[in-house]
Amino acid sequence: MRIEHHPILAFPKKEKIFFMFEGQKVYGFEGDTIASALHALGIQTLSYSIKEHRPRGFYCAIGNCASCNMVVDGIPNVRTCITMLKPGMVVERQTNKGVIL
């Protein structure tokens, strides 16, 4: 789900960054946000709605909504669409105002 070849734009190689997502070691690249790295890996459900527990995904990508809120390194309600990926992060889905699923 990541654009690697484009007829006009160039995408230089970037450093691979490993992090943990729900107990699995996964990776993104330097310059990725947490949400964009997960989306590139095909992970589309980032959180669940509080009342109905419906899946939420990448929506606004500018930090205005709460669809991408996740628990990052034990901190709930992190807006992953604007939080840059760092090596060794521990990322988990959440619901119920920050409760880990």
C-alpha atoms as a PDB file:
ATOM      1  CA  MET A   1       0.000   0.000   0.000  1.00  0.00           C
ATOM      2  CA  ARG A   2       3.020   2.263  -0.354  1.00  0.00           C
ATOM      3  CA  ILE A   3       3.833   4.067  -3.593  1.00  0.00           C
ATOM      4  CA  GLU A   4       7.294   2.995  -4.640  1.00  0.00           C
ATOM      5  CA  HIS A   5       7.385   3.980  -8.313  1.00  0.00           C
ATOM      6  CA  HIS A   6       5.825   7.071  -9.828  1.00  0.00           C
ATOM      7  CA  PRO A   7       6.204   8.495 -13.349  1.00  0.00           C
ATOM      8  CA  ILE A   8       6.976  12.015 -12.088  1.00  0.00           C
ATOM      9  CA  LEU A   9       7.985  11.897  -8.418  1.00  0.00           C
ATOM     10  CA  ALA A  10      11.076  10.301  -6.914  1.00  0.00           C
ATOM     11  CA  PHE A  11      10.940   8.421  -3.626  1.00  0.00           C
ATOM     12  CA  PRO A  12      14.438   8.063  -2.170  1.00  0.00           C
ATOM     13  CA  LYS A  13      15.173   5.105   0.088  1.00  0.00           C
ATOM     14  CA  LYS A  14      14.652   5.885   3.765  1.00  0.00           C
ATOM     15  CA  GLU A  15      15.766   4.125   6.910  1.00  0.00           C
ATOM     16  CA  LYS A  16      13.519   1.294   8.090  1.00  0.00           C
ATOM     17  CA  ILE A  17      12.142   1.810  11.602  1.00  0.00           C
ATOM     18  CA  PHE A  18      10.951  -1.138  13.688  1.00  0.00           C
ATOM     19  CA  PHE A  19       8.204  -0.787  16.300  1.00  0.00           C
ATOM     20  CA  MET A  20       5.681  -2.980  18.112  1.00  0.00           C
ATOM     21  CA  PHE A  21       2.016  -3.089  17.117  1.00  0.00           C
ATOM     22  CA  GLU A  22      -0.190  -5.195  19.357  1.00  0.00           C
ATOM     23  CA  GLY A  23       2.634  -7.545  20.249  1.00  0.00           C
ATOM     24  CA  GLN A  24       4.068  -7.929  16.749  1.00  0.00           C
ATOM     25  CA  LYS A  25       7.269  -6.393  15.458  1.00  0.00           C
ATOM     26  CA  VAL A  26       6.424  -4.319  12.379  1.00  0.00           C
ATOM     27  CA  TYR A  27       8.135  -1.533  10.484  1.00  0.00           C
ATOM     28  CA  GLY A  28       7.714   1.816   8.846  1.00  0.00           C
ATOM     29  CA  PHE A  29      10.182   4.250   7.362  1.00  0.00           C
ATOM     30  CA  GLU A  30      11.864   7.435   8.470  1.00  0.00           C
ATOM     31  CA  GLY A  31       9.405  10.310   7.961  1.00  0.00           C
ATOM     32  CA  ASP A  32       6.286   8.165   8.489  1.00  0.00           C
ATOM     33  CA  THR A  33       3.655   8.978  11.043  1.00  0.00           C
ATOM     34  CA  ILE A  34       2.433   6.021  13.103  1.00  0.00           C
ATOM     35  CA  ALA A  35      -0.878   5.969  11.210  1.00  0.00           C
ATOM     36  CA  SER A  36       0.743   6.159   7.773  1.00  0.00           C
ATOM     37  CA  ALA A  37       3.145   3.311   8.626  1.00  0.00           C
ATOM     38  CA  LEU A  38       0.238   1.131   9.796  1.00  0.00           C
ATOM     39  CA  HIS A  39      -1.825   2.034   6.738  1.00  0.00           C
ATOM     40  CA  ALA A  40       1.077   1.110   4.454  1.00  0.00           C
ATOM     41  CA  LEU A  41       1.163  -2.293   6.184  1.00  0.00           C
ATOM     42  CA  GLY A  42      -2.541  -2.788   5.399  1.00  0.00           C
ATOM     43  CA  ILE A  43      -3.744  -2.098   8.944  1.00  0.00           C
ATOM     44  CA  GLN A  44      -6.820   0.043   8.455  1.00  0.00           C
ATOM     45  CA  THR A  45      -8.577  -0.128  11.844  1.00  0.00           C
ATOM     46  CA  LEU A  46      -6.791   2.218  14.237  1.00  0.00           C
ATOM     47  CA  SER A  47      -9.399   2.556  16.988  1.00  0.00           C
ATOM     48  CA  TYR A  48     -13.028   1.885  17.826  1.00  0.00           C
ATOM     49  CA  SER A  49     -15.877   4.282  18.585  1.00  0.00           C
ATOM     50  CA  ILE A  50     -16.631   4.728  22.268  1.00  0.00           C
ATOM     51  CA  LYS A  51     -20.362   4.029  22.237  1.00  0.00           C
ATOM     52  CA  GLU A  52     -20.939   1.565  19.384  1.00  0.00           C
ATOM     53  CA  HIS A  53     -17.394   0.081  19.181  1.00  0.00           C
ATOM     54  CA  ARG A  54     -17.338   0.548  15.404  1.00  0.00           C
ATOM     55  CA  PRO A  55     -13.930   0.487  13.706  1.00  0.00           C
ATOM     56  CA  ARG A  56     -12.278   3.798  12.913  1.00  0.00           C
ATOM     57  CA  GLY A  57      -9.480   4.383  10.461  1.00  0.00           C
ATOM     58  CA  PHE A  58      -7.345   7.043   8.839  1.00  0.00           C
ATOM     59  CA  TYR A  59      -9.740   9.970   8.337  1.00  0.00           C
ATOM     60  CA  CYS A  60      -8.556  13.586   8.489  1.00  0.00           C
ATOM     61  CA  ALA A  61      -4.770  12.994   8.695  1.00  0.00           C
ATOM     62  CA  ILE A  62      -4.240  16.452  10.266  1.00  0.00           C
ATOM     63  CA  GLY A  63      -5.050  15.799  13.941  1.00  0.00           C
ATOM     64  CA  ASN A  64      -8.534  17.351  14.008  1.00  0.00           C
ATOM     65  CA  CYS A  65     -10.620  14.214  14.545  1.00  0.00           C
ATOM     66  CA  ALA A  66     -10.170  11.352  17.005  1.00  0.00           C
ATOM     67  CA  SER A  67     -10.331   8.466  14.552  1.00  0.00           C
ATOM     68  CA  CYS A  68      -6.639   7.645  14.846  1.00  0.00           C
ATOM     69  CA  ASN A  69      -6.325   7.838  18.637  1.00  0.00           C
ATOM     70  CA  MET A  70      -4.205   4.962  19.911  1.00  0.00           C
ATOM     71  CA  VAL A  71      -2.211   4.008  22.979  1.00  0.00           C
ATOM     72  CA  VAL A  72       1.459   4.770  22.302  1.00  0.00           C
ATOM     73  CA  ASP A  73       4.095   3.735  24.848  1.00  0.00           C
ATOM     74  CA  GLY A  74       1.334   3.423  27.449  1.00  0.00           C
ATOM     75  CA  ILE A  75      -0.108   6.901  26.788  1.00  0.00           C
ATOM     76  CA  PRO A  76      -3.753   6.862  25.613  1.00  0.00           C
ATOM     77  CA  ASN A  77      -5.373   9.205  23.076  1.00  0.00           C
ATOM     78  CA  VAL A  78      -2.267   9.837  20.972  1.00  0.00           C
ATOM     79  CA  ARG A  79      -3.225  11.227  17.557  1.00  0.00           C
ATOM     80  CA  THR A  80      -1.200   8.856  15.420  1.00  0.00           C
ATOM     81  CA  CYS A  81      -1.800  10.733  12.165  1.00  0.00           C
ATOM     82  CA  ILE A  82       0.458  13.562  13.373  1.00  0.00           C
ATOM     83  CA  THR A  83       2.818  11.620  15.663  1.00  0.00           C
ATOM     84  CA  MET A  84       6.076  10.723  13.971  1.00  0.00           C
ATOM     85  CA  LEU A  85       7.218   7.121  14.121  1.00  0.00           C
ATOM     86  CA  LYS A  86      10.218   6.399  16.357  1.00  0.00           C
ATOM     87  CA  PRO A  87      12.172   3.174  16.796  1.00  0.00           C
ATOM     88  CA  GLY A  88      10.882   0.846  19.498  1.00  0.00           C
ATOM     89  CA  MET A  89       7.476   2.473  19.989  1.00  0.00           C
ATOM     90  CA  VAL A  90       4.753   0.249  21.422  1.00  0.00           C
ATOM     91  CA  VAL A  91       1.420   0.946  19.708  1.00  0.00           C
ATOM     92  CA  GLU A  92      -1.981  -0.541  20.564  1.00  0.00           C
ATOM     93  CA  ARG A  93      -5.572   0.068  19.515  1.00  0.00           C
ATOM     94  CA  GLN A  94      -7.901   1.616  22.070  1.00  0.00           C
ATOM     95  CA  THR A  95     -11.555   2.256  22.848  1.00  0.00           C
ATOM     96  CA  ASN A  96     -13.545   3.558  25.824  1.00  0.00           C
ATOM     97  CA  LYS A  97     -11.597   6.813  26.253  1.00  0.00           C
ATOM     98  CA  GLY A  98      -8.155   5.260  26.303  1.00  0.00           C
ATOM     99  CA  VAL A  99      -8.787   1.722  27.546  1.00  0.00           C
ATOM    100  CA  ILE A 100      -6.664  -0.813  25.660  1.00  0.00           C
ATOM    101  CA  LEU A 101      -8.650  -3.516  23.904  1.00  0.00           C
END
